[in-house]
Amino acid sequence: MGDDEINLKSAMLKCALGYEYEEKTVEMKKDGSEGKVKIIKRHIPPNPKLINEILYLIRCERW
């Protein structure tokens, strides 16, 4: 199993189960220097279609 296949499986599982990530934005001051840094937590919900697809691929004889 190659690295690409492992990365693809990992990404599919992450999308299927849902995940959170932090989004960082930097507000610039008028003089051009960095000002406030805002960190926002975002949530990506689970993808039921992808869960179904993964279950079918893993256990196609049962489904």
Foldseek 3Di string as FASTA:
>chain_A
DDPVVVVVVVVLVCQQQWDKDKDWDWDADPVGHTDDIDIDIDIRHHDPVSVVVVCCVVCVVVD
